[in-house]
Protein backbone atom coordinates (compact mmCIF):
# COMPACT_ATOMS: atom_id res chain seq x y z
CA UNK A 1 0.00 0.00 0.00
CA UNK A 2 1.46 3.38 -1.01
CA UNK A 3 1.48 6.51 1.11
CA UNK A 4 -0.98 8.46 -1.03
CA UNK A 5 -3.78 6.03 -0.15
CA UNK A 6 -4.94 8.23 2.74
CA UNK A 7 -5.91 10.94 0.26
CA UNK A 8 -8.24 8.86 -1.90
CA UNK A 9 -11.65 10.50 -2.12
CA UNK A 10 -14.79 9.30 -3.88
CA UNK A 11 -18.22 10.82 -4.32
CA UNK A 12 -20.65 8.73 -2.30
CA UNK A 13 -24.15 8.72 -3.78
CA UNK A 14 -25.54 7.62 -0.42
CA UNK A 15 -24.28 10.71 1.43
CA UNK A 16 -24.47 12.92 -1.67
CA UNK A 17 -20.97 14.27 -1.09
CA UNK A 18 -17.30 13.57 -1.73
CA UNK A 19 -15.75 11.58 1.10
CA UNK A 20 -12.37 10.23 2.06
CA UNK A 21 -12.31 6.53 1.24
CA UNK A 22 -11.90 4.50 4.41
CA UNK A 23 -11.93 0.79 3.55
CA UNK A 24 -13.41 -1.77 5.90
CA UNK A 25 -10.01 -3.47 5.81
CA UNK A 26 -6.94 -1.90 4.23
CA UNK A 27 -5.72 -5.44 3.53
CA UNK A 28 -8.64 -6.34 1.27
CA UNK A 29 -10.93 -3.93 -0.60
CA UNK A 30 -14.20 -5.36 -1.95
CA UNK A 31 -16.11 -3.80 -4.85
CA UNK A 32 -19.23 -4.80 -6.77
CA UNK A 33 -20.61 -3.26 -9.96
CA UNK A 34 -23.82 -4.31 -11.70
CA UNK A 35 -23.03 -5.90 -15.05
CA UNK A 36 -25.02 -6.41 -18.25
CA UNK A 37 -28.27 -8.18 -19.03
CA UNK A 38 -27.15 -10.43 -21.86
CA UNK A 39 -29.85 -10.43 -24.51
CA UNK A 40 -28.17 -8.26 -27.18
CA UNK A 41 -24.96 -6.42 -28.06
CA UNK A 42 -23.52 -3.96 -25.53
CA UNK A 43 -23.70 -0.28 -26.46
CA UNK A 44 -21.22 2.47 -25.63
CA UNK A 45 -23.21 3.38 -22.51
CA UNK A 46 -22.71 -0.14 -21.15
CA UNK A 47 -19.03 0.16 -22.00
CA UNK A 48 -18.67 3.39 -20.03
CA UNK A 49 -19.64 1.63 -16.81
CA UNK A 50 -17.23 -1.22 -17.53
CA UNK A 51 -14.31 1.12 -18.36
CA UNK A 52 -14.94 3.45 -15.39
CA UNK A 53 -15.06 0.68 -12.82
CA UNK A 54 -12.14 -1.14 -14.44
CA UNK A 55 -10.11 2.05 -14.06
CA UNK A 56 -11.23 2.42 -10.44
CA UNK A 57 -10.23 -1.17 -9.72
CA UNK A 58 -6.83 -0.60 -11.34
CA UNK A 59 -6.33 2.43 -9.07
CA UNK A 60 -7.42 0.53 -5.97
CA UNK A 61 -4.98 -2.25 -6.85
CA UNK A 62 -2.22 0.33 -7.10
CA UNK A 63 -3.12 1.61 -3.63
CA UNK A 64 -4.01 -1.59 -1.75
CA UNK A 65 -2.44 -5.05 -1.50
CA UNK A 66 -5.63 -6.96 -2.36
CA UNK A 67 -8.81 -6.00 -4.23
CA UNK A 68 -11.68 -8.31 -5.17
CA UNK A 69 -13.89 -7.04 -7.97
CA UNK A 70 -17.23 -8.66 -8.71
CA UNK A 71 -19.45 -7.74 -11.65
CA UNK A 72 -22.39 -9.95 -12.45
CA UNK A 73 -24.11 -11.27 -15.55
CA UNK A 74 -27.92 -11.13 -15.59
CA UNK A 75 -28.88 -14.23 -17.54
CA UNK A 76 -32.54 -14.47 -16.50
CA UNK A 77 -34.79 -11.57 -17.44
CA UNK A 78 -37.96 -10.89 -19.43
CA UNK A 79 -35.92 -9.22 -22.19
CA UNK A 80 -33.87 -12.39 -22.55
CA UNK A 81 -37.02 -14.50 -22.69
CA UNK A 82 -38.46 -12.23 -25.39
CA UNK A 83 -35.24 -12.41 -27.44
CA UNK A 84 -35.17 -16.21 -27.24
CA UNK A 85 -38.84 -16.49 -28.20
CA UNK A 86 -38.35 -14.15 -31.15
CA UNK A 87 -35.53 -16.31 -32.51
CA UNK A 88 -37.13 -19.58 -31.34
CA UNK A 89 -33.94 -20.71 -29.62
CA UNK A 90 -33.19 -21.84 -26.04
CA UNK A 91 -32.54 -19.02 -23.57
CA UNK A 92 -29.12 -20.41 -22.74
CA UNK A 93 -28.09 -20.02 -26.38
CA UNK A 94 -28.89 -16.29 -26.18
CA UNK A 95 -27.16 -15.71 -22.84
CA UNK A 96 -24.00 -17.67 -23.66
CA UNK A 97 -23.66 -15.94 -27.03
CA UNK A 98 -23.98 -12.41 -25.70
CA UNK A 99 -21.90 -13.05 -22.57
CA UNK A 100 -19.01 -14.08 -24.83
CA UNK A 101 -19.56 -11.07 -27.10
CA UNK A 102 -19.74 -8.70 -24.11
CA UNK A 103 -16.48 -9.99 -22.60
CA UNK A 104 -14.74 -9.92 -25.98
CA UNK A 105 -15.89 -6.36 -26.70
CA UNK A 106 -14.86 -5.15 -23.25
CA UNK A 107 -11.44 -6.79 -23.61
CA UNK A 108 -10.99 -4.75 -26.82
CA UNK A 109 -11.39 -1.69 -24.59
CA UNK A 110 -8.77 -2.95 -22.16
CA UNK A 111 -11.33 -4.00 -19.53
CA UNK A 112 -9.95 -6.80 -17.38
CA UNK A 113 -12.27 -9.68 -16.60
CA UNK A 114 -13.67 -9.25 -13.06
CA UNK A 115 -12.23 -11.49 -10.36
CA UNK A 116 -15.70 -13.02 -10.08
CA UNK A 117 -18.40 -12.79 -12.74
CA UNK A 118 -21.40 -14.57 -11.22
CA UNK A 119 -24.46 -15.47 -13.26
CA UNK A 120 -27.90 -14.95 -11.79
CA UNK A 121 -29.09 -18.46 -12.70
CA UNK A 122 -26.32 -19.93 -10.51
CA UNK A 123 -27.78 -18.32 -7.36
CA UNK A 124 -31.54 -18.91 -7.61
CA UNK A 125 -31.67 -21.20 -4.57
CA UNK A 126 -29.98 -18.49 -2.49
CA UNK A 127 -32.47 -15.94 -3.85
CA UNK A 128 -35.32 -18.16 -2.71
CA UNK A 129 -33.74 -18.26 0.77
CA UNK A 130 -33.52 -14.45 0.86
CA UNK A 131 -37.14 -14.04 -0.22
CA UNK A 132 -38.29 -16.61 2.37
CA UNK A 133 -36.45 -14.69 5.08
CA UNK A 134 -38.08 -11.41 4.05
CA UNK A 135 -41.53 -13.03 4.11
CA UNK A 136 -40.85 -14.52 7.55
CA UNK A 137 -39.75 -11.14 8.93
CA UNK A 138 -42.82 -9.38 7.58
CA UNK A 139 -41.09 -7.35 4.87
CA UNK A 140 -42.58 -9.31 1.99
CA UNK A 141 -45.87 -11.03 1.19
CA UNK A 142 -47.31 -13.51 -1.30
CA UNK A 143 -50.17 -12.61 -3.59
CA UNK A 144 -51.47 -14.36 -6.70
CA UNK A 145 -48.27 -16.34 -7.30
CA UNK A 146 -46.08 -13.29 -6.74
CA UNK A 147 -43.94 -12.36 -3.77
CA UNK A 148 -43.56 -8.63 -3.25
CA UNK A 149 -41.39 -6.51 -1.00
CA UNK A 150 -43.51 -4.19 1.11
CA UNK A 151 -41.75 -0.84 0.79
CA UNK A 152 -43.41 0.89 3.81
CA UNK A 153 -41.83 -1.77 6.05
CA UNK A 154 -38.41 -0.19 5.45
CA UNK A 155 -38.26 3.37 6.73
CA UNK A 156 -34.97 4.25 4.97
CA UNK A 157 -36.35 3.51 1.53
CA UNK A 158 -35.46 6.38 -0.84
CA UNK A 159 -32.31 7.41 1.05
CA UNK A 160 -29.92 6.48 -1.78
CA UNK A 161 -31.84 8.14 -4.60
CA UNK A 162 -33.11 11.01 -2.40
CA UNK A 163 -36.65 10.48 -3.71
CA UNK A 164 -39.81 11.27 -1.84
CA UNK A 165 -42.86 9.04 -1.74
CA UNK A 166 -44.46 10.41 -4.92
CA UNK A 167 -41.20 10.25 -6.87
CA UNK A 168 -40.64 6.66 -5.75
CA UNK A 169 -43.97 5.54 -7.14
CA UNK A 170 -43.56 7.52 -10.37
CA UNK A 171 -40.07 6.19 -11.10
CA UNK A 172 -40.35 2.65 -9.76
CA UNK A 173 -40.74 1.01 -13.20
CA UNK A 174 -43.05 -1.38 -11.38
CA UNK A 175 -46.54 -2.13 -12.66
CA UNK A 176 -49.16 -0.98 -10.16
CA UNK A 177 -50.97 -4.31 -9.99
CA UNK A 178 -54.27 -4.52 -8.08
CA UNK A 179 -52.89 -7.12 -5.68
CA UNK A 180 -50.17 -4.81 -4.30
CA UNK A 181 -50.58 -3.60 -0.74
CA UNK A 182 -48.73 -0.42 -1.70
CA UNK A 183 -48.09 1.11 -5.16
CA UNK A 184 -44.33 1.21 -4.48
CA UNK A 185 -44.04 -2.49 -3.61
CA UNK A 186 -41.78 -4.41 -5.98
CA UNK A 187 -41.58 -8.00 -7.16
CA UNK A 188 -39.19 -10.47 -5.56
CA UNK A 189 -40.66 -13.55 -7.24
CA UNK A 190 -42.99 -13.98 -10.19
CA UNK A 191 -44.82 -17.01 -11.62
CA UNK A 192 -43.58 -18.67 -14.82
CA UNK A 193 -45.71 -20.35 -17.44
CA UNK A 194 -44.83 -23.77 -18.83
CA UNK A 195 -42.88 -22.23 -21.73
CA UNK A 196 -40.92 -19.82 -19.52
CA UNK A 197 -37.83 -20.63 -17.44
CA UNK A 198 -38.55 -21.22 -13.80
CA UNK A 199 -37.69 -22.96 -10.55
CA UNK A 200 -39.79 -24.71 -7.92
CA UNK A 201 -40.39 -22.70 -4.77
CA UNK A 202 -42.73 -22.35 -1.80
CA UNK A 203 -44.78 -19.98 -3.95
CA UNK A 204 -44.99 -22.22 -6.98
CA UNK A 205 -43.03 -22.52 -10.22
CA UNK A 206 -41.48 -19.17 -11.03
CA UNK A 207 -38.40 -16.98 -11.29
CA UNK A 208 -36.80 -14.20 -9.26
CA UNK A 209 -37.33 -10.51 -9.83
CA UNK A 210 -34.41 -8.52 -11.24
CA UNK A 211 -33.55 -6.68 -8.01
CA UNK A 212 -33.19 -9.83 -5.94
CA UNK A 213 -30.16 -11.18 -7.76
CA UNK A 214 -27.55 -8.56 -6.87
CA UNK A 215 -28.42 -8.58 -3.16
CA UNK A 216 -27.69 -12.29 -3.17
CA UNK A 217 -24.67 -12.39 -5.48
CA UNK A 218 -22.87 -9.53 -3.75
CA UNK A 219 -23.31 -11.15 -0.34
CA UNK A 220 -22.33 -14.64 -1.48
CA UNK A 221 -19.24 -13.51 -3.40
CA UNK A 222 -17.93 -10.69 -1.19
CA UNK A 223 -19.62 -10.94 2.18
CA UNK A 224 -21.25 -7.93 3.80
CA UNK A 225 -20.68 -5.12 4.15
CA UNK A 226 -18.71 -4.44 0.98
CA UNK A 227 -16.63 -1.32 0.46
CA UNK A 228 -18.05 -0.02 -2.84
CA UNK A 229 -21.13 -0.82 -4.87
CA UNK A 230 -21.73 0.88 -8.17
CA UNK A 231 -23.07 1.00 -11.68
CA UNK A 232 -24.71 3.35 -14.13
CA UNK A 233 -26.74 6.27 -12.78
CA UNK A 234 -29.93 4.73 -14.14
CA UNK A 235 -29.55 1.93 -11.56
CA UNK A 236 -29.67 4.27 -8.56
CA UNK A 237 -33.45 3.94 -8.53
CA UNK A 238 -35.09 1.56 -8.32
CA UNK A 239 -32.48 -1.20 -8.62
CA UNK A 240 -29.90 -0.12 -6.06
CA UNK A 241 -32.53 1.35 -3.76
CA UNK A 242 -34.26 -2.02 -3.77
CA UNK A 243 -31.02 -3.87 -3.12
CA UNK A 244 -30.44 -1.85 0.02
CA UNK A 245 -34.00 -2.46 1.21
CA UNK A 246 -33.80 -6.23 0.63
CA UNK A 247 -30.41 -6.71 2.23
CA UNK A 248 -30.88 -4.38 5.19
CA UNK A 249 -34.19 -6.07 6.03
CA UNK A 250 -32.62 -9.52 5.80
CA UNK A 251 -28.89 -10.01 6.21
CA UNK A 252 -27.82 -6.55 7.39
CA UNK A 253 -28.75 -3.92 9.96
CA UNK A 254 -32.18 -2.49 9.17
CA UNK A 255 -31.23 0.81 10.81
CA UNK A 256 -27.96 1.24 8.92
CA UNK A 257 -27.80 1.32 5.07
CA UNK A 258 -23.99 1.23 5.31
CA UNK A 259 -24.25 -2.30 6.65
CA UNK A 260 -24.78 -3.36 3.02
CA UNK A 261 -22.24 -1.11 1.25
CA UNK A 262 -20.14 1.75 2.60
CA UNK A 263 -19.87 3.74 -0.64
CA UNK A 264 -22.03 3.99 -3.73
CA UNK A 265 -20.64 5.21 -7.05
CA UNK A 266 -22.63 5.91 -10.22
CA UNK A 267 -21.43 7.00 -13.65
CA UNK A 268 -23.31 9.42 -15.90
CA UNK A 269 -25.10 8.70 -19.17
CA UNK A 270 -23.70 8.73 -22.70
CA UNK A 271 -25.47 10.81 -25.34
CA UNK A 272 -24.71 10.84 -29.06
CA UNK A 273 -24.26 14.25 -30.65
CA UNK A 274 -26.39 15.73 -27.90
CA UNK A 275 -29.22 13.18 -28.25
CA UNK A 276 -30.19 10.37 -25.90
CA UNK A 277 -29.44 6.97 -27.41
CA UNK A 278 -32.61 5.26 -28.60
CA UNK A 279 -33.71 2.81 -31.26
CA UNK A 280 -36.25 5.32 -32.56
CA UNK A 281 -33.45 7.78 -33.35
CA UNK A 282 -31.31 4.98 -34.78
CA UNK A 283 -28.31 6.27 -32.82
CA UNK A 284 -27.54 3.34 -30.52
CA UNK A 285 -23.79 2.81 -30.88
CA UNK A 286 -22.77 -0.81 -30.37
CA UNK A 287 -19.28 -1.55 -29.10
CA UNK A 288 -19.06 -4.47 -31.50
CA UNK A 289 -19.40 -2.02 -34.41
CA UNK A 290 -17.19 0.71 -32.96
CA UNK A 291 -14.20 -1.58 -32.43
CA UNK A 292 -14.26 -2.46 -36.12
CA UNK A 293 -13.64 1.19 -37.03
CA UNK A 294 -11.58 2.41 -34.06
CA UNK A 295 -8.79 1.02 -31.94
CA UNK A 296 -10.10 -0.06 -28.55
CA UNK A 297 -7.66 2.23 -26.75
CA UNK A 298 -9.09 5.24 -28.58
CA UNK A 299 -12.59 4.26 -27.45
CA UNK A 300 -11.39 3.71 -23.88
CA UNK A 301 -9.65 7.07 -23.69
CA UNK A 302 -12.72 8.77 -25.13
CA UNK A 303 -14.83 7.18 -22.38
CA UNK A 304 -12.38 8.54 -19.79
CA UNK A 305 -12.26 12.04 -21.30
CA UNK A 306 -15.23 13.27 -19.28
CA UNK A 307 -15.54 12.97 -15.50
CA UNK A 308 -17.35 9.74 -14.74
CA UNK A 309 -20.15 11.43 -12.78
CA UNK A 310 -20.90 13.81 -15.65
CA UNK A 311 -22.66 13.01 -18.88
CA UNK A 312 -20.51 12.17 -21.88
CA UNK A 313 -21.53 13.35 -25.34
CA UNK A 314 -20.16 10.90 -27.89
CA UNK A 315 -19.06 12.55 -31.13
CA UNK A 316 -16.29 12.56 -33.71
CA UNK A 317 -14.45 15.31 -31.85
CA UNK A 318 -13.75 13.28 -28.71
CA UNK A 319 -12.61 10.34 -30.83
CA UNK A 320 -10.27 12.64 -32.76
CA UNK A 321 -8.85 14.20 -29.58
CA UNK A 322 -8.39 10.80 -27.94
CA UNK A 323 -6.55 9.40 -30.94
CA UNK A 324 -4.43 12.55 -31.14
CA UNK A 325 -3.33 12.19 -27.50
CA UNK A 326 -2.62 8.48 -27.90
CA UNK A 327 -0.56 9.21 -31.03
CA UNK A 328 1.39 11.75 -29.01
CA UNK A 329 2.05 9.25 -26.23
CA UNK A 330 2.99 6.45 -28.60
CA UNK A 331 5.23 8.82 -30.58
CA UNK A 332 7.07 9.67 -27.35
CA UNK A 333 7.49 5.97 -26.53
CA UNK A 334 8.77 5.42 -30.05
CA UNK A 335 11.34 8.18 -29.58
CA UNK A 336 12.39 6.49 -26.32
CA UNK A 337 12.60 3.04 -27.88
CA UNK A 338 16.34 2.83 -27.15
CA UNK A 339 15.80 3.43 -23.43
CA UNK A 340 15.58 0.13 -21.53
CA UNK A 341 13.04 -0.12 -18.71
CA UNK A 342 12.83 -2.87 -16.12
CA UNK A 343 9.42 -4.40 -15.45
CA UNK A 344 9.87 -3.93 -11.70
CA UNK A 345 10.18 -0.16 -12.20
CA UNK A 346 6.73 0.18 -13.77
CA UNK A 347 5.03 1.37 -10.61
CA UNK A 348 5.91 5.04 -10.73
CA UNK A 349 3.03 7.49 -11.18
CA UNK A 350 3.75 11.25 -11.16
CA UNK A 351 2.37 12.73 -7.95
CA UNK A 352 0.16 15.32 -9.66
CA UNK A 353 -1.48 12.62 -11.79
CA UNK A 354 -1.96 10.25 -8.86
CA UNK A 355 -3.53 13.08 -6.86
CA UNK A 356 -5.96 13.74 -9.72
CA UNK A 357 -6.95 10.07 -9.87
CA UNK A 358 -7.37 9.96 -6.10
CA UNK A 359 -9.66 12.98 -6.28
CA UNK A 360 -12.78 11.02 -7.24
CA UNK A 361 -11.19 9.58 -10.37
CA UNK A 362 -10.64 12.93 -12.10
CA UNK A 363 -9.59 11.50 -15.46
CA UNK A 364 -10.08 14.75 -17.47
CA UNK A 365 -7.42 16.40 -15.30
CA UNK A 366 -5.22 13.32 -15.68
CA UNK A 367 -5.36 13.59 -19.48
CA UNK A 368 -4.55 17.32 -19.29
CA UNK A 369 -1.53 16.57 -17.08
CA UNK A 370 -0.35 13.82 -19.44
CA UNK A 371 -0.64 16.15 -22.43
CA UNK A 372 1.49 18.78 -20.70
CA UNK A 373 4.24 16.31 -19.82
CA UNK A 374 4.72 15.28 -23.45
CA UNK A 375 6.91 18.15 -24.56
CA UNK A 376 10.07 18.03 -26.65
CA UNK A 377 12.52 15.46 -25.31
CA UNK A 378 15.47 16.42 -27.51
CA UNK A 379 17.24 18.20 -24.65
CA UNK A 380 16.39 15.60 -22.00
CA UNK A 381 19.20 13.76 -20.25
CA UNK A 382 19.20 9.96 -20.33
CA UNK A 383 17.92 9.96 -16.76
CA UNK A 384 15.03 12.26 -17.62
CA UNK A 385 14.17 10.14 -20.64
CA UNK A 386 14.17 7.03 -18.47
CA UNK A 387 11.85 8.70 -15.94
CA UNK A 388 9.49 9.82 -18.69
CA UNK A 389 9.29 6.36 -20.21
CA UNK A 390 8.72 4.74 -16.81
CA UNK A 391 5.99 7.28 -16.03
CA UNK A 392 4.23 6.74 -19.34
CA UNK A 393 4.30 2.94 -19.14
CA UNK A 394 3.18 3.03 -15.50
CA UNK A 395 0.31 5.32 -16.43
CA UNK A 396 -0.58 3.08 -19.33
CA UNK A 397 -0.99 0.13 -16.98
CA UNK A 398 -3.10 2.20 -14.57
CA UNK A 399 -5.36 3.66 -17.27
CA UNK A 400 -5.53 0.57 -19.47
CA UNK A 401 -3.79 2.17 -22.47
CA UNK A 402 -0.36 2.07 -24.17
CA UNK A 403 -0.50 -1.72 -24.29
CA UNK A 404 0.69 -1.98 -27.89
CA UNK A 405 4.09 -1.76 -29.51
CA UNK A 406 4.47 1.81 -30.85
CA UNK A 407 5.48 0.55 -34.30
CA UNK A 408 2.37 -1.62 -34.46
CA UNK A 409 0.26 1.28 -33.22
CA UNK A 410 1.37 3.40 -36.13
CA UNK A 411 1.44 0.34 -38.40
CA UNK A 412 4.97 1.32 -39.32
CA UNK A 413 6.37 -1.03 -41.93
CA UNK A 414 3.06 -2.88 -42.24
CA UNK A 415 1.19 -2.57 -45.52
CA UNK A 416 -2.50 -3.36 -45.75
CA UNK A 417 -2.74 -2.27 -49.39
CA UNK A 418 -1.92 -4.07 -52.63
CA UNK A 419 1.54 -2.49 -52.84
CA UNK A 420 4.36 -4.59 -51.38
CA UNK A 421 6.84 -3.44 -48.75
CA UNK A 422 9.70 -3.68 -51.26
CA UNK A 423 7.86 -1.40 -53.71
CA UNK A 424 7.23 1.11 -50.92
CA UNK A 425 10.89 1.12 -49.88
CA UNK A 426 11.96 1.60 -53.52
CA UNK A 427 9.65 4.60 -53.90
CA UNK A 428 10.88 6.11 -50.63
CA UNK A 429 14.47 5.71 -51.82
CA UNK A 430 13.57 7.39 -55.13
CA UNK A 431 11.92 10.23 -53.22
CA UNK A 432 14.96 10.70 -51.00
CA UNK A 433 17.20 10.85 -54.06
CA UNK A 434 14.89 13.45 -55.64
CA UNK A 435 15.01 15.52 -52.46
CA UNK A 436 18.81 15.30 -52.39
CA UNK A 437 18.83 16.68 -55.96
CA UNK A 438 16.32 19.37 -54.87
CA UNK A 439 13.77 17.97 -57.29
CA UNK A 440 10.92 18.67 -54.89
CA UNK A 441 8.29 18.37 -57.59
CA UNK A 442 9.23 14.72 -58.14
CA UNK A 443 9.53 14.11 -54.38
CA UNK A 444 6.02 15.48 -53.81
CA UNK A 445 4.72 13.40 -56.71
CA UNK A 446 6.10 10.21 -55.15
CA UNK A 447 4.54 11.11 -51.78
CA UNK A 448 1.17 11.67 -53.50
CA UNK A 449 1.53 8.38 -55.37
CA UNK A 450 2.15 6.53 -52.11
CA UNK A 451 -0.77 8.30 -50.47
CA UNK A 452 -3.09 7.24 -53.29
CA UNK A 453 -1.99 3.66 -52.62
CA UNK A 454 -2.90 3.97 -48.92
CA UNK A 455 0.60 4.63 -47.61
CA UNK A 456 1.55 7.58 -45.42
CA UNK A 457 5.21 8.56 -44.99
CA UNK A 458 6.91 10.65 -42.33
CA UNK A 459 10.41 12.08 -42.24
CA UNK A 460 12.06 11.65 -38.83
CA UNK A 461 15.56 12.27 -37.45
CA UNK A 462 16.35 8.60 -37.96
CA UNK A 463 15.00 8.42 -41.52
CA UNK A 464 11.72 8.10 -43.39
CA UNK A 465 9.10 5.79 -41.94
CA UNK A 466 5.82 4.65 -43.47
CA UNK A 467 2.50 3.23 -42.37
CA UNK A 468 -0.82 2.19 -43.85
CA UNK A 469 -3.45 4.92 -43.74
């Protein structure tokens, strides 16, 4: 654990303020973030949550000796059932397919696989136990094959989202069924028909409600209380509010919401050119499509370019700026290629950058600081060059970038066009000869010819290099 750990601050949604992070145990930090419902491809909004919490986990691992990160897979849900019915395939075929696609797409963005990635269907028996306990304690009731949590039985309901009674009912996303004791009550268990997935229970054949799963999986994988629980801002209510209610009325202290999780973190939404993503606007950006047109590191840096609690407007400009900064960093590493760095030295983060990260994950300031440190290195001493390279590579590991060889990043010496490498080298040699004879018209003509063939050239101190455009 490094000295700076005492200065780590995070914005706690539960207290609605920035707080100093005080882990339950400095020897083992436990964090849980709600993962995807796997019925379709992940969009860039899903990816923002994954990248933000991956970056947070990387920072925590830099600061603490042990961190356990859990992020679940929801593989039982009405949307999944609908998708399987539409395609007339087994539900498991849908969930396995899109779980693999999700993990592959996130890996393209440098997201490390969570330490534990539990699936909801693996914990149904434990969910039944939780629901039974809530019924026994008078916090839930059975009605017409359903089991519902009785919201008025938990006086702290609404504390996380800061919603009053009317706002809770309006935003609950829960159908106001006639059998509910209270309009805000939410489903813990619902009946399944013969052609729907289900499990046997005290209340008949059925399946758990969405909110039940994370209360169970977080407790079974991490134990309670956990240090940090998080996800997208849209989960604050009702999902996370319901989690707190379920767990505090069962496994935890009903008087103390912190007995479930000490800190709650939520990332803001992603818009596209100022518009909310929606199928009706045809502007839902799928990660699977974006990684075909952009390097994953560019997408990751773009997702980190805005503070995680703020909204992020996705547009060509942030992609351009992210690629420009990555090019600048990779160009510096290329210029420092002759400087040897030991793997054991790659744990050195400049203090100003570490302070920015420890100030509620202030990644926009981090990127500004990185940009300012990438000045001309021509007059640097060997020691200064070594420090710069160590700093950059250490930062790359912490931010999940700079994981490629600089030459491969720029595709230097790699042709993806029909022209061969030998032909390119011959044309470059002819251009250099023309320049030596001050025949700049011919030199420019050769450059244009290469460009038309998809080859970009650059004159450097060590000679002319080329890459595919």
